PDB file of all heavy atoms in Angstrom:
ATOM      1  N   ASP A   1      -6.963 -22.350  46.743  1.00  0.00           N
ATOM      2  CA  ASP A   1      -5.881 -21.741  46.174  1.00  0.00           C
ATOM      3  C   ASP A   1      -4.798 -21.381  47.255  1.00  0.00           C
ATOM      4  O   ASP A   1      -5.078 -20.644  48.154  1.00  0.00           O
ATOM      5  CB  ASP A   1      -6.284 -20.437  45.428  1.00  0.00           C
ATOM      6  CG  ASP A   1      -5.130 -19.770  44.709  1.00  0.00           C
ATOM      7  OD1 ASP A   1      -4.100 -20.409  44.533  1.00  0.00           O
ATOM      8  OD2 ASP A   1      -5.313 -18.571  44.315  1.00  0.00           O
ATOM      9  N   LYS A   2      -3.576 -21.968  47.133  1.00  0.00           N
ATOM     10  CA  LYS A   2      -2.525 -21.726  48.058  1.00  0.00           C
ATOM     11  C   LYS A   2      -1.537 -20.689  47.555  1.00  0.00           C
ATOM     12  O   LYS A   2      -0.450 -20.544  48.166  1.00  0.00           O
ATOM     13  CB  LYS A   2      -1.783 -23.056  48.355  1.00  0.00           C
ATOM     14  CG  LYS A   2      -2.686 -24.121  48.954  1.00  0.00           C
ATOM     15  CD  LYS A   2      -3.338 -23.807  50.279  1.00  0.00           C
ATOM     16  CE  LYS A   2      -4.160 -24.844  50.843  1.00  0.00           C
ATOM     17  NZ  LYS A   2      -4.782 -24.516  52.173  1.00  0.00           N
ATOM     18  N   ASN A   3      -1.844 -20.094  46.441  1.00  0.00           N
ATOM     19  CA  ASN A   3      -0.951 -19.022  45.872  1.00  0.00           C
ATOM     20  C   ASN A   3       0.413 -19.633  45.536  1.00  0.00           C
ATOM     21  O   ASN A   3       1.418 -18.985  45.722  1.00  0.00           O
ATOM     22  CB  ASN A   3      -0.813 -17.840  46.726  1.00  0.00           C
ATOM     23  CG  ASN A   3      -2.120 -17.014  46.780  1.00  0.00           C
ATOM     24  OD1 ASN A   3      -2.753 -16.780  45.757  1.00  0.00           O
ATOM     25  ND2 ASN A   3      -2.508 -16.568  48.000  1.00  0.00           N
ATOM     26  N   VAL A   4       0.407 -20.898  45.089  1.00  0.00           N
ATOM     27  CA  VAL A   4       1.683 -21.535  44.622  1.00  0.00           C
ATOM     28  C   VAL A   4       2.074 -20.917  43.276  1.00  0.00           C
ATOM     29  O   VAL A   4       1.160 -20.401  42.587  1.00  0.00           O
ATOM     30  CB  VAL A   4       1.464 -23.007  44.521  1.00  0.00           C
ATOM     31  CG1 VAL A   4       2.729 -23.742  44.026  1.00  0.00           C
ATOM     32  CG2 VAL A   4       1.037 -23.636  45.862  1.00  0.00           C
ATOM     33  N   ASP A   5       3.275 -20.913  42.930  1.00  0.00           N
ATOM     34  CA  ASP A   5       3.768 -20.334  41.644  1.00  0.00           C
ATOM     35  C   ASP A   5       3.007 -21.082  40.516  1.00  0.00           C
ATOM     36  O   ASP A   5       2.589 -22.166  40.612  1.00  0.00           O
ATOM     37  CB  ASP A   5       5.284 -20.494  41.493  1.00  0.00           C
ATOM     38  CG  ASP A   5       5.709 -21.997  41.393  1.00  0.00           C
ATOM     39  OD1 ASP A   5       5.787 -22.660  42.449  1.00  0.00           O
ATOM     40  OD2 ASP A   5       5.808 -22.471  40.285  1.00  0.00           O
ATOM     41  N   TRP A   6       2.887 -20.358  39.413  1.00  0.00           N
ATOM     42  CA  TRP A   6       2.070 -20.806  38.261  1.00  0.00           C
ATOM     43  C   TRP A   6       2.553 -22.072  37.733  1.00  0.00           C
ATOM     44  O   TRP A   6       1.689 -22.986  37.493  1.00  0.00           O
ATOM     45  CB  TRP A   6       2.179 -19.710  37.127  1.00  0.00           C
ATOM     46  CG  TRP A   6       1.356 -20.056  35.937  1.00  0.00           C
ATOM     47  CD1 TRP A   6       0.066 -19.807  35.688  1.00  0.00           C
ATOM     48  CD2 TRP A   6       1.868 -20.812  34.785  1.00  0.00           C
ATOM     49  NE1 TRP A   6      -0.308 -20.210  34.455  1.00  0.00           N
ATOM     50  CE2 TRP A   6       0.762 -20.882  33.867  1.00  0.00           C
ATOM     51  CE3 TRP A   6       3.034 -21.303  34.353  1.00  0.00           C
ATOM     52  CZ2 TRP A   6       0.875 -21.497  32.666  1.00  0.00           C
ATOM     53  CZ3 TRP A   6       3.190 -21.995  33.164  1.00  0.00           C
ATOM     54  CH2 TRP A   6       2.072 -22.015  32.302  1.00  0.00           C
ATOM     55  N   PHE A   7       3.796 -22.275  37.551  1.00  0.00           N
ATOM     56  CA  PHE A   7       4.311 -23.580  37.024  1.00  0.00           C
ATOM     57  C   PHE A   7       3.914 -24.742  37.879  1.00  0.00           C
ATOM     58  O   PHE A   7       3.413 -25.783  37.350  1.00  0.00           O
ATOM     59  CB  PHE A   7       5.826 -23.421  36.854  1.00  0.00           C
ATOM     60  CG  PHE A   7       6.544 -24.572  36.144  1.00  0.00           C
ATOM     61  CD1 PHE A   7       6.499 -24.662  34.774  1.00  0.00           C
ATOM     62  CD2 PHE A   7       7.089 -25.650  36.841  1.00  0.00           C
ATOM     63  CE1 PHE A   7       7.143 -25.758  34.149  1.00  0.00           C
ATOM     64  CE2 PHE A   7       7.717 -26.710  36.232  1.00  0.00           C
ATOM     65  CZ  PHE A   7       7.700 -26.728  34.825  1.00  0.00           C
ATOM     66  N   SER A   8       4.146 -24.652  39.172  1.00  0.00           N
ATOM     67  CA  SER A   8       3.742 -25.789  40.063  1.00  0.00           C
ATOM     68  C   SER A   8       2.300 -26.017  40.071  1.00  0.00           C
ATOM     69  O   SER A   8       1.849 -27.136  40.172  1.00  0.00           O
ATOM     70  CB  SER A   8       4.303 -25.488  41.438  1.00  0.00           C
ATOM     71  OG  SER A   8       5.686 -25.294  41.494  1.00  0.00           O
ATOM     72  N   THR A   9       1.542 -24.908  40.054  1.00  0.00           N
ATOM     73  CA  THR A   9       0.056 -25.030  40.039  1.00  0.00           C
ATOM     74  C   THR A   9      -0.449 -25.959  38.881  1.00  0.00           C
ATOM     75  O   THR A   9      -1.305 -26.730  38.992  1.00  0.00           O
ATOM     76  CB  THR A   9      -0.583 -23.669  39.979  1.00  0.00           C
ATOM     77  OG1 THR A   9      -0.251 -22.933  41.149  1.00  0.00           O
ATOM     78  CG2 THR A   9      -2.156 -23.796  39.917  1.00  0.00           C
ATOM     79  N   GLN A  10       0.160 -25.650  37.693  1.00  0.00           N
ATOM     80  CA  GLN A  10      -0.195 -26.373  36.480  1.00  0.00           C
ATOM     81  C   GLN A  10       0.157 -27.834  36.634  1.00  0.00           C
ATOM     82  O   GLN A  10      -0.600 -28.768  36.247  1.00  0.00           O
ATOM     83  CB  GLN A  10       0.469 -25.795  35.243  1.00  0.00           C
ATOM     84  CG  GLN A  10       0.231 -24.284  34.999  1.00  0.00           C
ATOM     85  CD  GLN A  10      -1.211 -23.939  34.934  1.00  0.00           C
ATOM     86  OE1 GLN A  10      -2.068 -24.623  34.289  1.00  0.00           O
ATOM     87  NE2 GLN A  10      -1.632 -22.879  35.654  1.00  0.00           N
ATOM     88  N   LEU A  11       1.345 -28.140  37.102  1.00  0.00           N
ATOM     89  CA  LEU A  11       1.787 -29.522  37.274  1.00  0.00           C
ATOM     90  C   LEU A  11       1.015 -30.279  38.295  1.00  0.00           C
ATOM     91  O   LEU A  11       0.730 -31.513  38.193  1.00  0.00           O
ATOM     92  CB  LEU A  11       3.259 -29.612  37.560  1.00  0.00           C
ATOM     93  CG  LEU A  11       4.222 -29.090  36.395  1.00  0.00           C
ATOM     94  CD1 LEU A  11       5.641 -29.217  36.928  1.00  0.00           C
ATOM     95  CD2 LEU A  11       4.029 -29.876  35.127  1.00  0.00           C
ATOM     96  N   GLN A  12       0.569 -29.660  39.416  1.00  0.00           N
ATOM     97  CA  GLN A  12      -0.160 -30.295  40.426  1.00  0.00           C
ATOM     98  C   GLN A  12      -1.540 -30.769  39.972  1.00  0.00           C
ATOM     99  O   GLN A  12      -2.083 -31.742  40.536  1.00  0.00           O
ATOM    100  CB  GLN A  12      -0.263 -29.426  41.634  1.00  0.00           C
ATOM    101  CG  GLN A  12       1.026 -29.242  42.396  1.00  0.00           C
ATOM    102  CD  GLN A  12       0.832 -28.254  43.607  1.00  0.00           C
ATOM    103  OE1 GLN A  12      -0.267 -27.712  43.773  1.00  0.00           O
ATOM    104  NE2 GLN A  12       1.923 -28.059  44.351  1.00  0.00           N
ATOM    105  N   ALA A  13      -2.088 -30.041  39.013  1.00  0.00           N
ATOM    106  CA  ALA A  13      -3.444 -30.260  38.609  1.00  0.00           C
ATOM    107  C   ALA A  13      -3.648 -31.108  37.294  1.00  0.00           C
ATOM    108  O   ALA A  13      -4.749 -31.270  36.908  1.00  0.00           O
ATOM    109  CB  ALA A  13      -4.117 -28.883  38.432  1.00  0.00           C
ATOM    110  N   THR A  14      -2.606 -31.452  36.703  1.00  0.00           N
ATOM    111  CA  THR A  14      -2.706 -32.162  35.408  1.00  0.00           C
ATOM    112  C   THR A  14      -1.963 -33.472  35.336  1.00  0.00           C
ATOM    113  O   THR A  14      -0.963 -33.615  35.985  1.00  0.00           O
ATOM    114  CB  THR A  14      -2.183 -31.230  34.281  1.00  0.00           C
ATOM    115  OG1 THR A  14      -0.808 -30.866  34.553  1.00  0.00           O
ATOM    116  CG2 THR A  14      -2.998 -30.016  34.122  1.00  0.00           C
ATOM    117  N   CYS A  15      -2.507 -34.370  34.614  1.00  0.00           N
ATOM    118  CA  CYS A  15      -1.819 -35.664  34.312  1.00  0.00           C
ATOM    119  C   CYS A  15      -2.010 -36.020  32.843  1.00  0.00           C
ATOM    120  O   CYS A  15      -3.015 -35.602  32.231  1.00  0.00           O
ATOM    121  CB  CYS A  15      -2.207 -36.749  35.285  1.00  0.00           C
ATOM    122  SG  CYS A  15      -3.987 -37.243  35.101  1.00  0.00           S
ATOM    123  N   ASN A  16      -1.137 -36.809  32.251  1.00  0.00           N
ATOM    124  CA  ASN A  16      -1.334 -37.284  30.889  1.00  0.00           C
ATOM    125  C   ASN A  16      -1.982 -38.676  30.893  1.00  0.00           C
ATOM    126  O   ASN A  16      -1.957 -39.437  31.872  1.00  0.00           O
ATOM    127  CB  ASN A  16       0.035 -37.367  30.211  1.00  0.00           C
ATOM    128  CG  ASN A  16       0.555 -35.994  29.865  1.00  0.00           C
ATOM    129  OD1 ASN A  16      -0.115 -34.996  30.072  1.00  0.00           O
ATOM    130  ND2 ASN A  16       1.696 -35.845  29.255  1.00  0.00           N
ATOM    131  N   VAL A  17      -2.483 -39.003  29.746  1.00  0.00           N
ATOM    132  CA  VAL A  17      -3.054 -40.342  29.466  1.00  0.00           C
ATOM    133  C   VAL A  17      -2.310 -40.941  28.395  1.00  0.00           C
ATOM    134  O   VAL A  17      -1.832 -40.264  27.456  1.00  0.00           O
ATOM    135  CB  VAL A  17      -4.587 -40.177  29.133  1.00  0.00           C
ATOM    136  CG1 VAL A  17      -5.171 -41.484  28.759  1.00  0.00           C
ATOM    137  CG2 VAL A  17      -5.378 -39.551  30.327  1.00  0.00           C
ATOM    138  N   HIS A  18      -2.117 -42.269  28.413  1.00  0.00           N
ATOM    139  CA  HIS A  18      -1.335 -43.007  27.484  1.00  0.00           C
ATOM    140  C   HIS A  18      -1.556 -42.537  25.985  1.00  0.00           C
ATOM    141  O   HIS A  18      -2.736 -42.412  25.587  1.00  0.00           O
ATOM    142  CB  HIS A  18      -1.627 -44.476  27.588  1.00  0.00           C
ATOM    143  CG  HIS A  18      -0.957 -45.311  26.596  1.00  0.00           C
ATOM    144  ND1 HIS A  18       0.449 -45.596  26.659  1.00  0.00           N
ATOM    145  CD2 HIS A  18      -1.348 -46.035  25.522  1.00  0.00           C
ATOM    146  CE1 HIS A  18       0.830 -46.329  25.648  1.00  0.00           C
ATOM    147  NE2 HIS A  18      -0.210 -46.664  24.998  1.00  0.00           N
ATOM    148  N   GLN A  19      -0.506 -42.388  25.303  1.00  0.00           N
ATOM    149  CA  GLN A  19      -0.626 -41.935  23.885  1.00  0.00           C
ATOM    150  C   GLN A  19      -0.866 -43.176  23.046  1.00  0.00           C
ATOM    151  O   GLN A  19      -0.209 -44.244  23.160  1.00  0.00           O
ATOM    152  CB  GLN A  19       0.672 -41.366  23.395  1.00  0.00           C
ATOM    153  CG  GLN A  19       0.538 -40.823  21.954  1.00  0.00           C
ATOM    154  CD  GLN A  19       1.888 -40.289  21.392  1.00  0.00           C
ATOM    155  OE1 GLN A  19       2.941 -40.606  21.994  1.00  0.00           O
ATOM    156  NE2 GLN A  19       1.810 -39.621  20.279  1.00  0.00           N
ATOM    157  N   SER A  20      -1.817 -43.049  22.161  1.00  0.00           N
ATOM    158  CA  SER A  20      -2.077 -43.980  21.076  1.00  0.00           C
ATOM    159  C   SER A  20      -2.798 -43.227  19.965  1.00  0.00           C
ATOM    160  O   SER A  20      -3.320 -42.178  20.191  1.00  0.00           O
ATOM    161  CB  SER A  20      -2.942 -45.216  21.569  1.00  0.00           C
ATOM    162  OG  SER A  20      -4.256 -44.764  21.885  1.00  0.00           O
ATOM    163  N   PHE A  21      -2.885 -43.848  18.806  1.00  0.00           N
ATOM    164  CA  PHE A  21      -3.632 -43.165  17.700  1.00  0.00           C
ATOM    165  C   PHE A  21      -4.972 -42.899  18.071  1.00  0.00           C
ATOM    166  O   PHE A  21      -5.644 -41.856  17.849  1.00  0.00           O
ATOM    167  CB  PHE A  21      -3.565 -44.049  16.420  1.00  0.00           C
ATOM    168  CG  PHE A  21      -4.243 -43.430  15.303  1.00  0.00           C
ATOM    169  CD1 PHE A  21      -3.678 -42.473  14.462  1.00  0.00           C
ATOM    170  CD2 PHE A  21      -5.589 -43.859  15.001  1.00  0.00           C
ATOM    171  CE1 PHE A  21      -4.365 -41.936  13.409  1.00  0.00           C
ATOM    172  CE2 PHE A  21      -6.253 -43.304  13.883  1.00  0.00           C
ATOM    173  CZ  PHE A  21      -5.663 -42.352  13.068  1.00  0.00           C
ATOM    174  N   PHE A  22      -5.725 -43.935  18.749  1.00  0.00           N
ATOM    175  CA  PHE A  22      -7.088 -43.721  19.171  1.00  0.00           C
ATOM    176  C   PHE A  22      -7.214 -42.616  20.252  1.00  0.00           C
ATOM    177  O   PHE A  22      -8.041 -41.750  20.171  1.00  0.00           O
ATOM    178  CB  PHE A  22      -7.634 -44.988  19.688  1.00  0.00           C
ATOM    179  CG  PHE A  22      -9.082 -44.880  20.249  1.00  0.00           C
ATOM    180  CD1 PHE A  22     -10.150 -44.796  19.433  1.00  0.00           C
ATOM    181  CD2 PHE A  22      -9.283 -44.755  21.612  1.00  0.00           C
ATOM    182  CE1 PHE A  22     -11.465 -44.655  19.924  1.00  0.00           C
ATOM    183  CE2 PHE A  22     -10.602 -44.602  22.128  1.00  0.00           C
ATOM    184  CZ  PHE A  22     -11.647 -44.540  21.318  1.00  0.00           C
ATOM    185  N   ASN A  23      -6.371 -42.688  21.298  1.00  0.00           N
ATOM    186  CA  ASN A  23      -6.438 -41.707  22.354  1.00  0.00           C
ATOM    187  C   ASN A  23      -6.195 -40.324  21.895  1.00  0.00           C
ATOM    188  O   ASN A  23      -6.852 -39.349  22.357  1.00  0.00           O
ATOM    189  CB  ASN A  23      -5.443 -42.035  23.485  1.00  0.00           C
ATOM    190  CG  ASN A  23      -5.968 -43.216  24.352  1.00  0.00           C
ATOM    191  OD1 ASN A  23      -7.085 -43.700  24.147  1.00  0.00           O
ATOM    192  ND2 ASN A  23      -5.065 -43.725  25.204  1.00  0.00           N
ATOM    193  N   ASP A  24      -5.226 -40.118  20.956  1.00  0.00           N
ATOM    194  CA  ASP A  24      -4.994 -38.804  20.417  1.00  0.00           C
ATOM    195  C   ASP A  24      -6.222 -38.326  19.704  1.00  0.00           C
ATOM    196  O   ASP A  24      -6.619 -37.064  19.879  1.00  0.00           O
ATOM    197  CB  ASP A  24      -3.805 -38.846  19.443  1.00  0.00           C
ATOM    198  CG  ASP A  24      -2.454 -39.087  20.137  1.00  0.00           C
ATOM    199  OD1 ASP A  24      -2.445 -39.126  21.349  1.00  0.00           O
ATOM    200  OD2 ASP A  24      -1.444 -39.294  19.408  1.00  0.00           O
TER     201      ASP A  24
END
């Protein structure tokens, strides 16, 4: 934990996966 602001912490740790009917 580097005590980065909350918003940046969330973005650094998450990624999306391609949207499709099956993936959803």
